[in-house]
Amino acid sequence: MEDLTIQKQPPASDAETTRPGSRQYEEVQFYERKPAGFWIRFWAYLIDLLLISGVTSILFKPVFALLGIETSTDSWYAPFAILSAILFYAYFVLMTKFFSQTVGKMIFAIKVVSLKKDHLDWGTLLFREWIGRLISVTVLPLYFIVGFTPLKQGVHDYFADTTVVHEESFRKRSMMQKIHREEPGLQEDRAF
């Protein structure tokens, strides 16, 4: 995730910093984007489903009605179901690739980010949106783990090393880091 600011806390005393062979650590504080939780992602997904349903009804249903093809069949291999599925996945893949967010995510100011890279590449995106989302939608309880993980990741996020974050909301984090000093001599304090 993106770091915004780094603030270093000074060491406790000069005596500790001058002792040879001792490992020194400092607390580093930084700001990272706040992960989006289950409910905000749920509402964004609902808006996306409504949008896709509206577009499907406006574009496909009139054409199918003119051609006399049934649109209310329950089989997954019906032409209407196949076109709806193509529109569904194309919407999520293309919107996430080019904008890092869908219309629902835009409304709630959240976006998808990669945990390992600066941008979402096609491989990551296709795996997240097709394979991961298919698993999450097929086994619905798996989607609820978003609310219980530290980075608010769903199964599809774990597979693709992504998460969904708020665009303008940050949280402050701190961690301990080894102090690196420019000292003459050996830098390693253990034998070969």
C-alpha atoms as a PDB file:
ATOM      1  CA  MET A   1       0.000   0.000   0.000  1.00  0.00           C
ATOM      2  CA  GLU A   2       1.142   3.539  -0.474  1.00  0.00           C
ATOM      3  CA  ASP A   3       3.114   5.322   2.244  1.00  0.00           C
ATOM      4  CA  LEU A   4       2.471   9.024   2.573  1.00  0.00           C
ATOM      5  CA  THR A   5       4.905  10.397   5.149  1.00  0.00           C
ATOM      6  CA  ILE A   6       7.763   8.978   7.163  1.00  0.00           C
ATOM      7  CA  GLN A   7       8.675  10.456  10.534  1.00  0.00           C
ATOM      8  CA  LYS A   8      11.615   9.088  12.465  1.00  0.00           C
ATOM      9  CA  GLN A   9      11.827   9.221  16.224  1.00  0.00           C
ATOM     10  CA  PRO A  10      15.299  10.027  17.600  1.00  0.00           C
ATOM     11  CA  PRO A  11      17.189   7.327  19.537  1.00  0.00           C
ATOM     12  CA  ALA A  12      16.839   7.323  23.325  1.00  0.00           C
ATOM     13  CA  SER A  13      20.355   8.559  24.150  1.00  0.00           C
ATOM     14  CA  ASP A  14      23.775   9.185  22.636  1.00  0.00           C
ATOM     15  CA  ALA A  15      25.329   6.500  24.861  1.00  0.00           C
ATOM     16  CA  GLU A  16      23.218   3.838  23.165  1.00  0.00           C
ATOM     17  CA  THR A  17      24.152   5.022  19.698  1.00  0.00           C
ATOM     18  CA  THR A  18      27.909   4.941  20.323  1.00  0.00           C
ATOM     19  CA  ARG A  19      28.141   1.438  21.831  1.00  0.00           C
ATOM     20  CA  PRO A  20      29.905  -0.729  19.217  1.00  0.00           C
ATOM     21  CA  GLY A  21      28.328  -4.034  18.270  1.00  0.00           C
ATOM     22  CA  SER A  22      24.894  -3.190  19.632  1.00  0.00           C
ATOM     23  CA  ARG A  23      21.871  -3.247  17.367  1.00  0.00           C
ATOM     24  CA  GLN A  24      19.879  -0.052  17.510  1.00  0.00           C
ATOM     25  CA  TYR A  25      16.308   0.365  16.474  1.00  0.00           C
ATOM     26  CA  GLU A  26      14.112   3.369  15.955  1.00  0.00           C
ATOM     27  CA  GLU A  27      10.386   3.778  15.686  1.00  0.00           C
ATOM     28  CA  VAL A  28       9.268   4.788  12.208  1.00  0.00           C
ATOM     29  CA  GLN A  29       5.810   6.241  11.795  1.00  0.00           C
ATOM     30  CA  PHE A  30       4.093   6.405   8.461  1.00  0.00           C
ATOM     31  CA  TYR A  31       0.674   6.961   6.957  1.00  0.00           C
ATOM     32  CA  GLU A  32      -0.979   4.405   4.731  1.00  0.00           C
ATOM     33  CA  ARG A  33      -4.284   4.371   2.928  1.00  0.00           C
ATOM     34  CA  LYS A  34      -7.100   3.038   5.059  1.00  0.00           C
ATOM     35  CA  PRO A  35      -8.549  -0.273   3.805  1.00  0.00           C
ATOM     36  CA  ALA A  36     -12.223  -0.219   2.807  1.00  0.00           C
ATOM     37  CA  GLY A  37     -14.356  -2.495   4.938  1.00  0.00           C
ATOM     38  CA  PHE A  38     -17.061  -4.997   4.082  1.00  0.00           C
ATOM     39  CA  TRP A  39     -20.109  -2.715   4.146  1.00  0.00           C
ATOM     40  CA  ILE A  40     -18.772   0.065   1.938  1.00  0.00           C
ATOM     41  CA  ARG A  41     -17.563  -2.521  -0.574  1.00  0.00           C
ATOM     42  CA  PHE A  42     -20.949  -4.257  -0.399  1.00  0.00           C
ATOM     43  CA  TRP A  43     -22.843  -1.026  -1.211  1.00  0.00           C
ATOM     44  CA  ALA A  44     -20.447  -0.227  -4.055  1.00  0.00           C
ATOM     45  CA  TYR A  45     -20.941  -3.742  -5.449  1.00  0.00           C
ATOM     46  CA  LEU A  46     -24.724  -3.351  -5.204  1.00  0.00           C
ATOM     47  CA  ILE A  47     -24.559  -0.120  -7.205  1.00  0.00           C
ATOM     48  CA  ASP A  48     -22.426  -1.894  -9.823  1.00  0.00           C
ATOM     49  CA  LEU A  49     -24.947  -4.734 -10.043  1.00  0.00           C
ATOM     50  CA  LEU A  50     -27.789  -2.253 -10.510  1.00  0.00           C
ATOM     51  CA  LEU A  51     -25.834  -0.470 -13.241  1.00  0.00           C
ATOM     52  CA  ILE A  52     -25.012  -3.718 -15.053  1.00  0.00           C
ATOM     53  CA  SER A  53     -28.621  -4.862 -14.750  1.00  0.00           C
ATOM     54  CA  GLY A  54     -29.847  -1.559 -16.201  1.00  0.00           C
ATOM     55  CA  VAL A  55     -27.414  -1.661 -19.111  1.00  0.00           C
ATOM     56  CA  THR A  56     -28.309  -5.292 -19.803  1.00  0.00           C
ATOM     57  CA  SER A  57     -32.025  -4.451 -19.805  1.00  0.00           C
ATOM     58  CA  ILE A  58     -31.552  -1.432 -22.073  1.00  0.00           C
ATOM     59  CA  LEU A  59     -29.125  -3.001 -24.562  1.00  0.00           C
ATOM     60  CA  PHE A  60     -29.892  -6.708 -24.722  1.00  0.00           C
ATOM     61  CA  LYS A  61     -33.565  -7.212 -23.868  1.00  0.00           C
ATOM     62  CA  PRO A  62     -34.958  -5.099 -26.756  1.00  0.00           C
ATOM     63  CA  VAL A  63     -32.714  -6.881 -29.260  1.00  0.00           C
ATOM     64  CA  PHE A  64     -33.729 -10.290 -27.929  1.00  0.00           C
ATOM     65  CA  ALA A  65     -37.413  -9.249 -27.990  1.00  0.00           C
ATOM     66  CA  LEU A  66     -37.125  -8.134 -31.632  1.00  0.00           C
ATOM     67  CA  LEU A  67     -35.464 -11.411 -32.582  1.00  0.00           C
ATOM     68  CA  GLY A  68     -38.039 -13.428 -30.610  1.00  0.00           C
ATOM     69  CA  ILE A  69     -35.417 -15.040 -28.349  1.00  0.00           C
ATOM     70  CA  GLU A  70     -36.443 -15.860 -24.777  1.00  0.00           C
ATOM     71  CA  THR A  71     -34.595 -13.912 -22.043  1.00  0.00           C
ATOM     72  CA  SER A  72     -36.035 -15.531 -18.928  1.00  0.00           C
ATOM     73  CA  THR A  73     -34.581 -19.037 -19.237  1.00  0.00           C
ATOM     74  CA  ASP A  74     -32.844 -20.436 -16.189  1.00  0.00           C
ATOM     75  CA  SER A  75     -30.003 -22.225 -17.961  1.00  0.00           C
ATOM     76  CA  TRP A  76     -26.556 -20.689 -17.751  1.00  0.00           C
ATOM     77  CA  TYR A  77     -25.801 -21.427 -21.399  1.00  0.00           C
ATOM     78  CA  ALA A  78     -28.724 -19.404 -22.773  1.00  0.00           C
ATOM     79  CA  PRO A  79     -27.619 -16.593 -25.136  1.00  0.00           C
ATOM     80  CA  PHE A  80     -28.973 -13.882 -22.823  1.00  0.00           C
ATOM     81  CA  ALA A  81     -27.137 -15.368 -19.818  1.00  0.00           C
ATOM     82  CA  ILE A  82     -23.875 -15.614 -21.770  1.00  0.00           C
ATOM     83  CA  LEU A  83     -24.067 -11.995 -23.003  1.00  0.00           C
ATOM     84  CA  SER A  84     -24.958 -10.798 -19.495  1.00  0.00           C
ATOM     85  CA  ALA A  85     -21.958 -12.654 -18.039  1.00  0.00           C
ATOM     86  CA  ILE A  86     -19.642 -11.196 -20.683  1.00  0.00           C
ATOM     87  CA  LEU A  87     -20.895  -7.687 -19.892  1.00  0.00           C
ATOM     88  CA  PHE A  88     -20.551  -8.334 -16.133  1.00  0.00           C
ATOM     89  CA  TYR A  89     -16.924  -9.477 -16.296  1.00  0.00           C
ATOM     90  CA  ALA A  90     -15.922  -6.968 -18.982  1.00  0.00           C
ATOM     91  CA  TYR A  91     -17.323  -4.147 -16.851  1.00  0.00           C
ATOM     92  CA  PHE A  92     -15.323  -5.138 -13.764  1.00  0.00           C
ATOM     93  CA  VAL A  93     -12.115  -5.926 -15.661  1.00  0.00           C
ATOM     94  CA  LEU A  94     -12.033  -2.820 -17.862  1.00  0.00           C
ATOM     95  CA  MET A  95     -13.186  -0.329 -15.226  1.00  0.00           C
ATOM     96  CA  THR A  96     -10.693  -1.678 -12.691  1.00  0.00           C
ATOM     97  CA  LYS A  97      -7.868  -1.703 -15.238  1.00  0.00           C
ATOM     98  CA  PHE A  98      -8.342   1.807 -16.561  1.00  0.00           C
ATOM     99  CA  PHE A  99      -9.707   3.609 -13.483  1.00  0.00           C
ATOM    100  CA  SER A 100      -8.738   1.287 -10.571  1.00  0.00           C
ATOM    101  CA  GLN A 101     -12.393   1.458  -9.597  1.00  0.00           C
ATOM    102  CA  THR A 102     -15.882   0.800 -10.864  1.00  0.00           C
ATOM    103  CA  VAL A 103     -18.737   3.311 -10.801  1.00  0.00           C
ATOM    104  CA  GLY A 104     -19.857   2.011  -7.397  1.00  0.00           C
ATOM    105  CA  LYS A 105     -16.342   2.421  -6.023  1.00  0.00           C
ATOM    106  CA  MET A 106     -16.146   5.917  -7.545  1.00  0.00           C
ATOM    107  CA  ILE A 107     -19.310   6.944  -5.700  1.00  0.00           C
ATOM    108  CA  PHE A 108     -17.869   5.803  -2.375  1.00  0.00           C
ATOM    109  CA  ALA A 109     -14.299   7.029  -3.159  1.00  0.00           C
ATOM    110  CA  ILE A 110     -12.625   3.649  -2.848  1.00  0.00           C
ATOM    111  CA  LYS A 111     -10.289   1.946  -5.295  1.00  0.00           C
ATOM    112  CA  VAL A 112      -8.387  -1.280  -5.933  1.00  0.00           C
ATOM    113  CA  VAL A 113      -4.623  -1.204  -5.348  1.00  0.00           C
ATOM    114  CA  SER A 114      -1.928  -3.802  -5.730  1.00  0.00           C
ATOM    115  CA  LEU A 115       0.044  -4.730  -2.614  1.00  0.00           C
ATOM    116  CA  LYS A 116       3.168  -5.604  -4.596  1.00  0.00           C
ATOM    117  CA  LYS A 117       3.269  -3.231  -7.568  1.00  0.00           C
ATOM    118  CA  ASP A 118       2.529   0.414  -8.305  1.00  0.00           C
ATOM    119  CA  HIS A 119      -0.179  -0.438 -10.835  1.00  0.00           C
ATOM    120  CA  LEU A 120      -2.544  -3.297 -11.665  1.00  0.00           C
ATOM    121  CA  ASP A 121      -1.246  -5.398 -14.547  1.00  0.00           C
ATOM    122  CA  TRP A 122      -3.489  -7.486 -16.786  1.00  0.00           C
ATOM    123  CA  GLY A 123      -2.514 -10.823 -15.257  1.00  0.00           C
ATOM    124  CA  THR A 124      -3.279  -9.703 -11.730  1.00  0.00           C
ATOM    125  CA  LEU A 125      -6.484  -8.039 -12.804  1.00  0.00           C
ATOM    126  CA  LEU A 126      -7.829 -10.947 -14.830  1.00  0.00           C
ATOM    127  CA  PHE A 127      -7.013 -13.389 -12.054  1.00  0.00           C
ATOM    128  CA  ARG A 128      -8.682 -11.148  -9.451  1.00  0.00           C
ATOM    129  CA  GLU A 129     -11.815 -10.404 -11.441  1.00  0.00           C
ATOM    130  CA  TRP A 130     -12.406 -13.755 -13.142  1.00  0.00           C
ATOM    131  CA  ILE A 131     -11.018 -16.577 -11.057  1.00  0.00           C
ATOM    132  CA  GLY A 132     -11.148 -14.907  -7.647  1.00  0.00           C
ATOM    133  CA  ARG A 133     -14.571 -13.312  -8.111  1.00  0.00           C
ATOM    134  CA  LEU A 134     -15.993 -16.561  -9.488  1.00  0.00           C
ATOM    135  CA  ILE A 135     -14.865 -18.351  -6.323  1.00  0.00           C
ATOM    136  CA  SER A 136     -16.186 -15.554  -4.078  1.00  0.00           C
ATOM    137  CA  VAL A 137     -19.572 -15.478  -5.818  1.00  0.00           C
ATOM    138  CA  THR A 138     -19.878 -19.269  -6.012  1.00  0.00           C
ATOM    139  CA  VAL A 139     -19.054 -19.835  -2.328  1.00  0.00           C
ATOM    140  CA  LEU A 140     -20.772 -16.737  -0.916  1.00  0.00           C
ATOM    141  CA  PRO A 141     -19.593 -17.073   2.724  1.00  0.00           C
ATOM    142  CA  LEU A 142     -16.012 -16.614   1.485  1.00  0.00           C
ATOM    143  CA  TYR A 143     -16.824 -13.006   0.590  1.00  0.00           C
ATOM    144  CA  PHE A 144     -17.597 -12.235   4.238  1.00  0.00           C
ATOM    145  CA  ILE A 145     -13.964 -12.702   5.274  1.00  0.00           C
ATOM    146  CA  VAL A 146     -13.420  -9.114   4.055  1.00  0.00           C
ATOM    147  CA  GLY A 147     -14.734  -7.938   7.416  1.00  0.00           C
ATOM    148  CA  PHE A 148     -12.271 -10.044   9.439  1.00  0.00           C
ATOM    149  CA  THR A 149      -8.885  -9.581   7.773  1.00  0.00           C
ATOM    150  CA  PRO A 150      -6.427  -6.792   8.692  1.00  0.00           C
ATOM    151  CA  LEU A 151      -6.289  -5.320   5.170  1.00  0.00           C
ATOM    152  CA  LYS A 152      -9.984  -6.060   4.513  1.00  0.00           C
ATOM    153  CA  GLN A 153      -9.159  -8.499   1.720  1.00  0.00           C
ATOM    154  CA  GLY A 154     -11.564 -10.952   0.145  1.00  0.00           C
ATOM    155  CA  VAL A 155     -10.511 -14.300  -1.268  1.00  0.00           C
ATOM    156  CA  HIS A 156     -10.137 -12.716  -4.709  1.00  0.00           C
ATOM    157  CA  ASP A 157      -7.866 -10.051  -3.165  1.00  0.00           C
ATOM    158  CA  TYR A 158      -5.668 -12.695  -1.525  1.00  0.00           C
ATOM    159  CA  PHE A 159      -5.243 -14.518  -4.813  1.00  0.00           C
ATOM    160  CA  ALA A 160      -4.199 -11.361  -6.649  1.00  0.00           C
ATOM    161  CA  ASP A 161      -2.320  -9.563  -3.808  1.00  0.00           C
ATOM    162  CA  THR A 162      -4.682  -6.597  -3.969  1.00  0.00           C
ATOM    163  CA  THR A 163      -6.926  -4.723  -1.585  1.00  0.00           C
ATOM    164  CA  VAL A 164      -9.511  -1.956  -1.747  1.00  0.00           C
ATOM    165  CA  VAL A 165      -8.630   1.337  -0.030  1.00  0.00           C
ATOM    166  CA  HIS A 166     -10.244   4.685   0.634  1.00  0.00           C
ATOM    167  CA  GLU A 167      -8.885   7.348  -1.711  1.00  0.00           C
ATOM    168  CA  GLU A 168      -8.644  10.186   0.810  1.00  0.00           C
ATOM    169  CA  SER A 169      -8.537   8.427   4.179  1.00  0.00           C
ATOM    170  CA  PHE A 170      -5.299   7.420   5.860  1.00  0.00           C
ATOM    171  CA  ARG A 171      -4.277   5.643   9.044  1.00  0.00           C
ATOM    172  CA  LYS A 172      -1.125   6.173  11.060  1.00  0.00           C
ATOM    173  CA  ARG A 173       1.096   3.137  11.605  1.00  0.00           C
ATOM    174  CA  SER A 174       4.386   2.643  13.380  1.00  0.00           C
ATOM    175  CA  MET A 175       7.058  -0.025  13.224  1.00  0.00           C
ATOM    176  CA  MET A 176      10.549  -0.633  14.544  1.00  0.00           C
ATOM    177  CA  GLN A 177      13.403  -0.355  12.066  1.00  0.00           C
ATOM    178  CA  LYS A 178      17.121  -0.964  12.428  1.00  0.00           C
ATOM    179  CA  ILE A 179      19.176   2.223  12.467  1.00  0.00           C
ATOM    180  CA  HIS A 180      21.631   2.344   9.588  1.00  0.00           C
ATOM    181  CA  ARG A 181      24.748   4.411  10.243  1.00  0.00           C
ATOM    182  CA  GLU A 182      27.691   5.280   8.095  1.00  0.00           C
ATOM    183  CA  GLU A 183      30.589   3.934  10.177  1.00  0.00           C
ATOM    184  CA  PRO A 184      34.112   3.097   9.057  1.00  0.00           C
ATOM    185  CA  GLY A 185      35.217  -0.538   9.269  1.00  0.00           C
ATOM    186  CA  LEU A 186      33.230  -3.708   9.107  1.00  0.00           C
ATOM    187  CA  GLN A 187      29.496  -3.310   8.778  1.00  0.00           C
ATOM    188  CA  GLU A 188      28.716  -6.882   9.745  1.00  0.00           C
ATOM    189  CA  ASP A 189      28.887  -7.741  13.447  1.00  0.00           C
ATOM    190  CA  ARG A 190      29.096 -11.519  13.096  1.00  0.00           C
ATOM    191  CA  ALA A 191      31.819 -13.851  11.880  1.00  0.00           C
ATOM    192  CA  PHE A 192      31.895 -15.283   8.376  1.00  0.00           C
END
